Amino acid sequence: MKTDVNDNRLEQIHEILSPFFKRAISLINTKSGKQMIDDSAINPFLAKCLGLNDFESLARYYVYQHIGRSLVTSFGSNMEKMIKILFTGERGVWWDVVRETPKINYYVSVKSGPNDMDKDQAEHFAMEAKKILKKDQKAFPVICMAYGKSQNAIPAKAMRDKGIDPKKHMAVGKKAYEIITGDPNFLTKVFDVAMNIKSGTNSNKTILQSIDDKVIEITKEFKKKYKSIDELYFDTF
């Protein structure tokens, strides 16, 4: 499918990702060494087993763990919004996006990645795909996944068992962007947008740089309060 992919689409993607970045920065800023101790965020037995024997390695592990978990959980919806913007069209009764063209009518279900679709969802997609194929002769039902290299075997088999070919009706990662935009280089453009989103208009920091700064801050906090890493671990009880 060939579309006129222009800077406006990339600007819209930037507008989706920017609030996510700001929320991430806010989350990072809430973290402190005191909070980690008071909220029992540190498992001293695990920390010892992992060889976290100095303040910096402890701070780095727990800051990345807690922030990373929150970011991964919240980022999926942003990726789905991004696909919906690229696949310009209208919201359907069941479909995330319906785009009508002279030759093909696209009926799109959007998922973040291959592991975000289970067997039941795949079977439901197959059922809806069969309905729309009977109703609309120009219909092309497709699941578009924002990232990934290959299909997950479980939903792919579920679709196949219900009579819908996943090779035709499931587009993962790079293939999804090519179907949506007709531009084989569009994924690179999206990466450029994502990599250049900063914490603010006048900031040169990325999320990872902001996390590293927080690690340094918490490490100093630990060093100021505790004489040794073992004293900190005993303070978690």
C-alpha atoms as a PDB file:
ATOM      1  CA  MET A   1       0.000   0.000   0.000  1.00  0.00           C
ATOM      2  CA  LYS A   2       1.509   3.309  -1.071  1.00  0.00           C
ATOM      3  CA  THR A   3       0.852   6.418   0.998  1.00  0.00           C
ATOM      4  CA  ASP A   4       2.239   9.919   1.093  1.00  0.00           C
ATOM      5  CA  VAL A   5       4.453   9.639   4.147  1.00  0.00           C
ATOM      6  CA  ASN A   6       5.583  13.105   5.138  1.00  0.00           C
ATOM      7  CA  ASP A   7       7.015  15.100   7.997  1.00  0.00           C
ATOM      8  CA  ASN A   8       3.526  15.577   9.432  1.00  0.00           C
ATOM      9  CA  ARG A   9       3.313  11.871  10.274  1.00  0.00           C
ATOM     10  CA  LEU A  10       6.701  12.009  11.987  1.00  0.00           C
ATOM     11  CA  GLU A  11       5.633  15.092  13.928  1.00  0.00           C
ATOM     12  CA  GLN A  12       2.546  13.228  15.125  1.00  0.00           C
ATOM     13  CA  ILE A  13       4.739  10.359  16.306  1.00  0.00           C
ATOM     14  CA  HIS A  14       6.919  12.883  18.121  1.00  0.00           C
ATOM     15  CA  GLU A  15       3.801  14.272  19.821  1.00  0.00           C
ATOM     16  CA  ILE A  16       2.896  10.775  21.037  1.00  0.00           C
ATOM     17  CA  LEU A  17       6.351   9.950  22.359  1.00  0.00           C
ATOM     18  CA  SER A  18       7.143  13.319  23.968  1.00  0.00           C
ATOM     19  CA  PRO A  19       4.549  13.017  26.795  1.00  0.00           C
ATOM     20  CA  PHE A  20       5.818   9.492  27.453  1.00  0.00           C
ATOM     21  CA  PHE A  21       9.328  10.883  27.795  1.00  0.00           C
ATOM     22  CA  LYS A  22       8.178  13.609  30.180  1.00  0.00           C
ATOM     23  CA  ARG A  23       6.340  11.037  32.321  1.00  0.00           C
ATOM     24  CA  ALA A  24       9.482   8.905  32.342  1.00  0.00           C
ATOM     25  CA  ILE A  25      11.559  11.855  33.532  1.00  0.00           C
ATOM     26  CA  SER A  26       8.987  12.579  36.263  1.00  0.00           C
ATOM     27  CA  LEU A  27       9.178   8.948  37.350  1.00  0.00           C
ATOM     28  CA  ILE A  28      12.970   9.081  37.468  1.00  0.00           C
ATOM     29  CA  ASN A  29      12.872  12.265  39.532  1.00  0.00           C
ATOM     30  CA  THR A  30      10.677  10.623  42.197  1.00  0.00           C
ATOM     31  CA  LYS A  31      13.298   8.001  42.993  1.00  0.00           C
ATOM     32  CA  SER A  32      15.611   8.385  45.983  1.00  0.00           C
ATOM     33  CA  GLY A  33      17.801   6.216  48.158  1.00  0.00           C
ATOM     34  CA  LYS A  34      15.552   6.855  51.163  1.00  0.00           C
ATOM     35  CA  GLN A  35      12.506   5.758  49.176  1.00  0.00           C
ATOM     36  CA  MET A  36      14.249   2.544  48.134  1.00  0.00           C
ATOM     37  CA  ILE A  37      14.941   1.708  51.782  1.00  0.00           C
ATOM     38  CA  ASP A  38      11.568   2.853  53.201  1.00  0.00           C
ATOM     39  CA  ASP A  39       9.532   1.066  50.497  1.00  0.00           C
ATOM     40  CA  SER A  40      11.476  -2.185  50.894  1.00  0.00           C
ATOM     41  CA  ALA A  41      12.490  -1.944  47.246  1.00  0.00           C
ATOM     42  CA  ILE A  42      15.835  -3.575  47.983  1.00  0.00           C
ATOM     43  CA  ASN A  43      15.988  -7.319  48.556  1.00  0.00           C
ATOM     44  CA  PRO A  44      19.287  -7.663  50.446  1.00  0.00           C
ATOM     45  CA  PHE A  45      19.525 -11.426  49.858  1.00  0.00           C
ATOM     46  CA  LEU A  46      19.108 -11.016  46.110  1.00  0.00           C
ATOM     47  CA  ALA A  47      21.532  -8.093  46.096  1.00  0.00           C
ATOM     48  CA  LYS A  48      24.166 -10.209  47.848  1.00  0.00           C
ATOM     49  CA  CYS A  49      23.627 -13.123  45.457  1.00  0.00           C
ATOM     50  CA  LEU A  50      24.024 -10.761  42.499  1.00  0.00           C
ATOM     51  CA  GLY A  51      27.288  -9.447  43.886  1.00  0.00           C
ATOM     52  CA  LEU A  52      26.044  -5.899  44.400  1.00  0.00           C
ATOM     53  CA  ASN A  53      28.848  -5.120  46.810  1.00  0.00           C
ATOM     54  CA  ASP A  54      29.148  -1.375  46.377  1.00  0.00           C
ATOM     55  CA  PHE A  55      26.762   1.560  46.483  1.00  0.00           C
ATOM     56  CA  GLU A  56      26.938   2.365  42.774  1.00  0.00           C
ATOM     57  CA  SER A  57      26.184  -1.142  41.521  1.00  0.00           C
ATOM     58  CA  LEU A  58      23.274  -1.392  43.979  1.00  0.00           C
ATOM     59  CA  ALA A  59      21.848   1.972  42.929  1.00  0.00           C
ATOM     60  CA  ARG A  60      22.277   1.195  39.236  1.00  0.00           C
ATOM     61  CA  TYR A  61      20.606  -2.215  39.455  1.00  0.00           C
ATOM     62  CA  TYR A  62      17.527  -1.035  41.361  1.00  0.00           C
ATOM     63  CA  VAL A  63      17.039   2.243  39.500  1.00  0.00           C
ATOM     64  CA  TYR A  64      17.175   0.491  36.126  1.00  0.00           C
ATOM     65  CA  GLN A  65      15.000  -2.368  37.373  1.00  0.00           C
ATOM     66  CA  HIS A  66      12.194  -0.248  38.796  1.00  0.00           C
ATOM     67  CA  ILE A  67      12.148   2.437  36.139  1.00  0.00           C
ATOM     68  CA  GLY A  68      12.624  -0.058  33.322  1.00  0.00           C
ATOM     69  CA  ARG A  69       9.675  -2.135  34.463  1.00  0.00           C
ATOM     70  CA  SER A  70       7.397   0.905  34.520  1.00  0.00           C
ATOM     71  CA  LEU A  71       8.587   2.162  31.138  1.00  0.00           C
ATOM     72  CA  VAL A  72       8.114  -1.181  29.390  1.00  0.00           C
ATOM     73  CA  THR A  73       4.597  -1.533  30.794  1.00  0.00           C
ATOM     74  CA  SER A  74       3.493   1.939  29.727  1.00  0.00           C
ATOM     75  CA  PHE A  75       5.215   2.129  26.351  1.00  0.00           C
ATOM     76  CA  GLY A  76       3.060  -0.483  24.609  1.00  0.00           C
ATOM     77  CA  SER A  77       0.053   1.804  24.263  1.00  0.00           C
ATOM     78  CA  ASN A  78       2.261   4.482  22.685  1.00  0.00           C
ATOM     79  CA  MET A  79       3.430   2.052  20.023  1.00  0.00           C
ATOM     80  CA  GLU A  80      -0.148   1.101  19.220  1.00  0.00           C
ATOM     81  CA  LYS A  81      -1.095   4.787  18.889  1.00  0.00           C
ATOM     82  CA  MET A  82       1.851   5.250  16.533  1.00  0.00           C
ATOM     83  CA  ILE A  83       0.645   2.487  14.203  1.00  0.00           C
ATOM     84  CA  LYS A  84      -2.887   3.918  14.226  1.00  0.00           C
ATOM     85  CA  ILE A  85      -1.560   7.328  13.168  1.00  0.00           C
ATOM     86  CA  LEU A  86       0.470   5.842  10.327  1.00  0.00           C
ATOM     87  CA  PHE A  87      -2.440   3.750   9.089  1.00  0.00           C
ATOM     88  CA  THR A  88      -4.685   6.751   8.578  1.00  0.00           C
ATOM     89  CA  GLY A  89      -8.342   5.810   8.582  1.00  0.00           C
ATOM     90  CA  GLU A  90     -11.420   5.578  10.777  1.00  0.00           C
ATOM     91  CA  ARG A  91     -12.100   3.557  13.893  1.00  0.00           C
ATOM     92  CA  GLY A  92     -14.230   0.501  13.119  1.00  0.00           C
ATOM     93  CA  VAL A  93     -16.856  -1.241  15.221  1.00  0.00           C
ATOM     94  CA  TRP A  94     -14.269  -3.882  16.156  1.00  0.00           C
ATOM     95  CA  TRP A  95     -11.227  -2.841  14.130  1.00  0.00           C
ATOM     96  CA  ASP A  96      -8.683  -0.333  15.416  1.00  0.00           C
ATOM     97  CA  VAL A  97      -8.389   1.250  11.970  1.00  0.00           C
ATOM     98  CA  VAL A  98     -10.422   0.898   8.786  1.00  0.00           C
ATOM     99  CA  ARG A  99      -8.852   2.456   5.682  1.00  0.00           C
ATOM    100  CA  GLU A 100     -10.690   2.335   2.367  1.00  0.00           C
ATOM    101  CA  THR A 101      -8.782   2.666  -0.911  1.00  0.00           C
ATOM    102  CA  PRO A 102      -9.877   2.185  -4.529  1.00  0.00           C
ATOM    103  CA  LYS A 103      -8.470  -1.356  -4.687  1.00  0.00           C
ATOM    104  CA  ILE A 104      -8.231  -2.583  -1.094  1.00  0.00           C
ATOM    105  CA  ASN A 105     -10.084  -1.875   2.145  1.00  0.00           C
ATOM    106  CA  TYR A 106      -7.748  -2.402   5.081  1.00  0.00           C
ATOM    107  CA  TYR A 107      -9.166  -3.648   8.376  1.00  0.00           C
ATOM    108  CA  VAL A 108      -6.438  -3.343  10.971  1.00  0.00           C
ATOM    109  CA  SER A 109      -5.990  -4.748  14.450  1.00  0.00           C
ATOM    110  CA  VAL A 110      -3.000  -3.206  16.231  1.00  0.00           C
ATOM    111  CA  LYS A 111      -0.674  -4.876  18.745  1.00  0.00           C
ATOM    112  CA  SER A 112       2.618  -3.706  20.237  1.00  0.00           C
ATOM    113  CA  GLY A 113       4.568  -6.870  19.460  1.00  0.00           C
ATOM    114  CA  PRO A 114       4.391 -10.636  18.803  1.00  0.00           C
ATOM    115  CA  ASN A 115       4.091 -11.482  22.503  1.00  0.00           C
ATOM    116  CA  ASP A 116       1.144  -9.150  23.064  1.00  0.00           C
ATOM    117  CA  MET A 117      -1.345 -11.469  21.370  1.00  0.00           C
ATOM    118  CA  ASP A 118      -2.514 -14.711  22.937  1.00  0.00           C
ATOM    119  CA  LYS A 119      -4.395 -17.704  21.522  1.00  0.00           C
ATOM    120  CA  ASP A 120      -7.863 -16.368  22.400  1.00  0.00           C
ATOM    121  CA  GLN A 121      -7.165 -12.970  20.818  1.00  0.00           C
ATOM    122  CA  ALA A 122      -5.852 -14.648  17.666  1.00  0.00           C
ATOM    123  CA  GLU A 123      -8.967 -16.802  17.412  1.00  0.00           C
ATOM    124  CA  HIS A 124     -11.157 -13.732  17.881  1.00  0.00           C
ATOM    125  CA  PHE A 125      -9.234 -11.928  15.138  1.00  0.00           C
ATOM    126  CA  ALA A 126      -9.740 -14.906  12.811  1.00  0.00           C
ATOM    127  CA  MET A 127     -13.474 -14.860  13.517  1.00  0.00           C
ATOM    128  CA  GLU A 128     -13.728 -11.121  12.778  1.00  0.00           C
ATOM    129  CA  ALA A 129     -11.526 -11.528   9.688  1.00  0.00           C
ATOM    130  CA  LYS A 130     -13.851 -14.186   8.276  1.00  0.00           C
ATOM    131  CA  LYS A 131     -16.863 -11.948   8.894  1.00  0.00           C
ATOM    132  CA  ILE A 132     -15.378  -8.968   7.094  1.00  0.00           C
ATOM    133  CA  LEU A 133     -14.068 -11.071   4.188  1.00  0.00           C
ATOM    134  CA  LYS A 134     -17.630 -12.294   3.558  1.00  0.00           C
ATOM    135  CA  LYS A 135     -19.099  -8.817   3.936  1.00  0.00           C
ATOM    136  CA  ASP A 136     -16.551  -6.820   1.898  1.00  0.00           C
ATOM    137  CA  GLN A 137     -15.037  -8.225  -1.308  1.00  0.00           C
ATOM    138  CA  LYS A 138     -12.170  -5.705  -1.138  1.00  0.00           C
ATOM    139  CA  ALA A 139     -11.403  -6.452   2.526  1.00  0.00           C
ATOM    140  CA  PHE A 140      -7.874  -7.158   3.702  1.00  0.00           C
ATOM    141  CA  PRO A 141      -7.907  -7.867   7.450  1.00  0.00           C
ATOM    142  CA  VAL A 142      -4.468  -7.643   9.048  1.00  0.00           C
ATOM    143  CA  ILE A 143      -2.825  -7.581  12.455  1.00  0.00           C
ATOM    144  CA  CYS A 144      -0.037  -4.978  12.545  1.00  0.00           C
ATOM    145  CA  MET A 145       2.612  -5.334  15.250  1.00  0.00           C
ATOM    146  CA  ALA A 146       4.810  -2.322  15.937  1.00  0.00           C
ATOM    147  CA  TYR A 147       7.955  -4.315  16.615  1.00  0.00           C
ATOM    148  CA  GLY A 148       9.346  -7.819  16.347  1.00  0.00           C
ATOM    149  CA  LYS A 149      11.130  -9.964  13.809  1.00  0.00           C
ATOM    150  CA  SER A 150       8.887 -13.009  13.553  1.00  0.00           C
ATOM    151  CA  GLN A 151       5.427 -14.215  14.429  1.00  0.00           C
ATOM    152  CA  ASN A 152       4.666 -15.826  17.765  1.00  0.00           C
ATOM    153  CA  ALA A 153       3.930 -19.490  17.039  1.00  0.00           C
ATOM    154  CA  ILE A 154       0.914 -19.762  19.371  1.00  0.00           C
ATOM    155  CA  PRO A 155      -1.334 -17.023  17.894  1.00  0.00           C
ATOM    156  CA  ALA A 156      -0.105 -17.895  14.391  1.00  0.00           C
ATOM    157  CA  LYS A 157      -1.236 -21.510  14.846  1.00  0.00           C
ATOM    158  CA  ALA A 158      -4.546 -20.377  16.365  1.00  0.00           C
ATOM    159  CA  MET A 159      -5.247 -18.243  13.302  1.00  0.00           C
ATOM    160  CA  ARG A 160      -4.231 -21.020  10.934  1.00  0.00           C
ATOM    161  CA  ASP A 161      -6.479 -23.509  12.758  1.00  0.00           C
ATOM    162  CA  LYS A 162      -9.393 -21.119  12.260  1.00  0.00           C
ATOM    163  CA  GLY A 163      -8.739 -20.837   8.532  1.00  0.00           C
ATOM    164  CA  ILE A 164      -6.861 -17.503   8.392  1.00  0.00           C
ATOM    165  CA  ASP A 165      -3.313 -17.568   7.029  1.00  0.00           C
ATOM    166  CA  PRO A 166      -0.987 -15.678   9.444  1.00  0.00           C
ATOM    167  CA  LYS A 167       1.637 -15.257   6.722  1.00  0.00           C
ATOM    168  CA  LYS A 168      -0.841 -13.099   4.833  1.00  0.00           C
ATOM    169  CA  HIS A 169      -2.816 -11.524   7.650  1.00  0.00           C
ATOM    170  CA  MET A 170      -0.177 -10.854  10.333  1.00  0.00           C
ATOM    171  CA  ALA A 171       2.474  -8.186   9.706  1.00  0.00           C
ATOM    172  CA  VAL A 172       5.292  -7.959  12.242  1.00  0.00           C
ATOM    173  CA  GLY A 173       7.832  -5.172  12.672  1.00  0.00           C
ATOM    174  CA  LYS A 174       9.482  -3.971   9.470  1.00  0.00           C
ATOM    175  CA  LYS A 175       6.879  -5.689   7.289  1.00  0.00           C
ATOM    176  CA  ALA A 176       4.104  -3.805   9.090  1.00  0.00           C
ATOM    177  CA  TYR A 177       5.684  -0.418   8.333  1.00  0.00           C
ATOM    178  CA  GLU A 178       6.213  -1.341   4.696  1.00  0.00           C
ATOM    179  CA  ILE A 179       2.560  -2.365   4.348  1.00  0.00           C
ATOM    180  CA  ILE A 180       1.371   0.799   6.071  1.00  0.00           C
ATOM    181  CA  THR A 181       3.592   3.367   4.376  1.00  0.00           C
ATOM    182  CA  GLY A 182       4.982   1.766   1.246  1.00  0.00           C
ATOM    183  CA  ASP A 183       8.338   3.212   2.330  1.00  0.00           C
ATOM    184  CA  PRO A 184      11.021   0.568   3.128  1.00  0.00           C
ATOM    185  CA  ASN A 185      13.084   3.233   4.938  1.00  0.00           C
ATOM    186  CA  PHE A 186      10.302   4.587   7.133  1.00  0.00           C
ATOM    187  CA  LEU A 187      11.346   2.533  10.156  1.00  0.00           C
ATOM    188  CA  THR A 188      14.706   4.327  10.134  1.00  0.00           C
ATOM    189  CA  LYS A 189      12.879   7.657  10.162  1.00  0.00           C
ATOM    190  CA  VAL A 190      10.798   6.573  13.155  1.00  0.00           C
ATOM    191  CA  PHE A 191      13.967   5.528  15.002  1.00  0.00           C
ATOM    192  CA  ASP A 192      15.480   8.949  14.326  1.00  0.00           C
ATOM    193  CA  VAL A 193      12.416  10.617  15.855  1.00  0.00           C
ATOM    194  CA  ALA A 194      12.489   8.364  18.939  1.00  0.00           C
ATOM    195  CA  MET A 195      16.219   8.819  19.520  1.00  0.00           C
ATOM    196  CA  ASN A 196      16.034  12.601  19.322  1.00  0.00           C
ATOM    197  CA  ILE A 197      13.289  13.156  21.879  1.00  0.00           C
ATOM    198  CA  LYS A 198      14.845  14.887  24.873  1.00  0.00           C
ATOM    199  CA  SER A 199      13.666  15.637  28.396  1.00  0.00           C
ATOM    200  CA  GLY A 200      12.743  19.190  27.476  1.00  0.00           C
ATOM    201  CA  THR A 201      13.054  21.883  24.824  1.00  0.00           C
ATOM    202  CA  ASN A 202      16.417  23.087  26.100  1.00  0.00           C
ATOM    203  CA  SER A 203      17.755  19.739  27.258  1.00  0.00           C
ATOM    204  CA  ASN A 204      20.249  17.439  25.587  1.00  0.00           C
ATOM    205  CA  LYS A 205      19.549  14.493  27.885  1.00  0.00           C
ATOM    206  CA  THR A 206      18.038  11.214  26.790  1.00  0.00           C
ATOM    207  CA  ILE A 207      16.071   8.984  29.171  1.00  0.00           C
ATOM    208  CA  LEU A 208      19.123   6.786  29.754  1.00  0.00           C
ATOM    209  CA  GLN A 209      21.273   9.818  30.534  1.00  0.00           C
ATOM    210  CA  SER A 210      18.663  10.974  33.033  1.00  0.00           C
ATOM    211  CA  ILE A 211      18.656   7.520  34.643  1.00  0.00           C
ATOM    212  CA  ASP A 212      22.460   7.576  34.875  1.00  0.00           C
ATOM    213  CA  ASP A 213      22.281  10.955  36.603  1.00  0.00           C
ATOM    214  CA  LYS A 214      19.790   9.508  39.095  1.00  0.00           C
ATOM    215  CA  VAL A 215      22.133   6.568  39.768  1.00  0.00           C
ATOM    216  CA  ILE A 216      24.933   8.999  40.601  1.00  0.00           C
ATOM    217  CA  GLU A 217      22.602  10.995  42.860  1.00  0.00           C
ATOM    218  CA  ILE A 218      21.416   7.930  44.793  1.00  0.00           C
ATOM    219  CA  THR A 219      24.960   6.559  45.065  1.00  0.00           C
ATOM    220  CA  LYS A 220      26.036   9.825  46.757  1.00  0.00           C
ATOM    221  CA  GLU A 221      22.992   9.628  49.041  1.00  0.00           C
ATOM    222  CA  PHE A 222      23.953   6.102  50.117  1.00  0.00           C
ATOM    223  CA  LYS A 223      27.581   7.067  50.714  1.00  0.00           C
ATOM    224  CA  LYS A 224      26.531  10.017  52.843  1.00  0.00           C
ATOM    225  CA  LYS A 225      24.296   7.926  55.108  1.00  0.00           C
ATOM    226  CA  TYR A 226      26.121   4.570  55.325  1.00  0.00           C
ATOM    227  CA  LYS A 227      29.723   3.684  56.060  1.00  0.00           C
ATOM    228  CA  SER A 228      29.511   0.399  54.149  1.00  0.00           C
ATOM    229  CA  ILE A 229      27.206  -1.509  51.838  1.00  0.00           C
ATOM    230  CA  ASP A 230      26.566  -4.079  54.575  1.00  0.00           C
ATOM    231  CA  GLU A 231      25.338  -1.356  56.919  1.00  0.00           C
ATOM    232  CA  LEU A 232      22.824  -0.395  54.238  1.00  0.00           C
ATOM    233  CA  TYR A 233      21.696  -3.991  53.777  1.00  0.00           C
ATOM    234  CA  PHE A 234      21.143  -4.431  57.533  1.00  0.00           C
ATOM    235  CA  ASP A 235      19.090  -1.208  57.502  1.00  0.00           C
ATOM    236  CA  THR A 236      16.571  -2.885  55.156  1.00  0.00           C
ATOM    237  CA  PHE A 237      15.366  -5.125  58.013  1.00  0.00           C
END
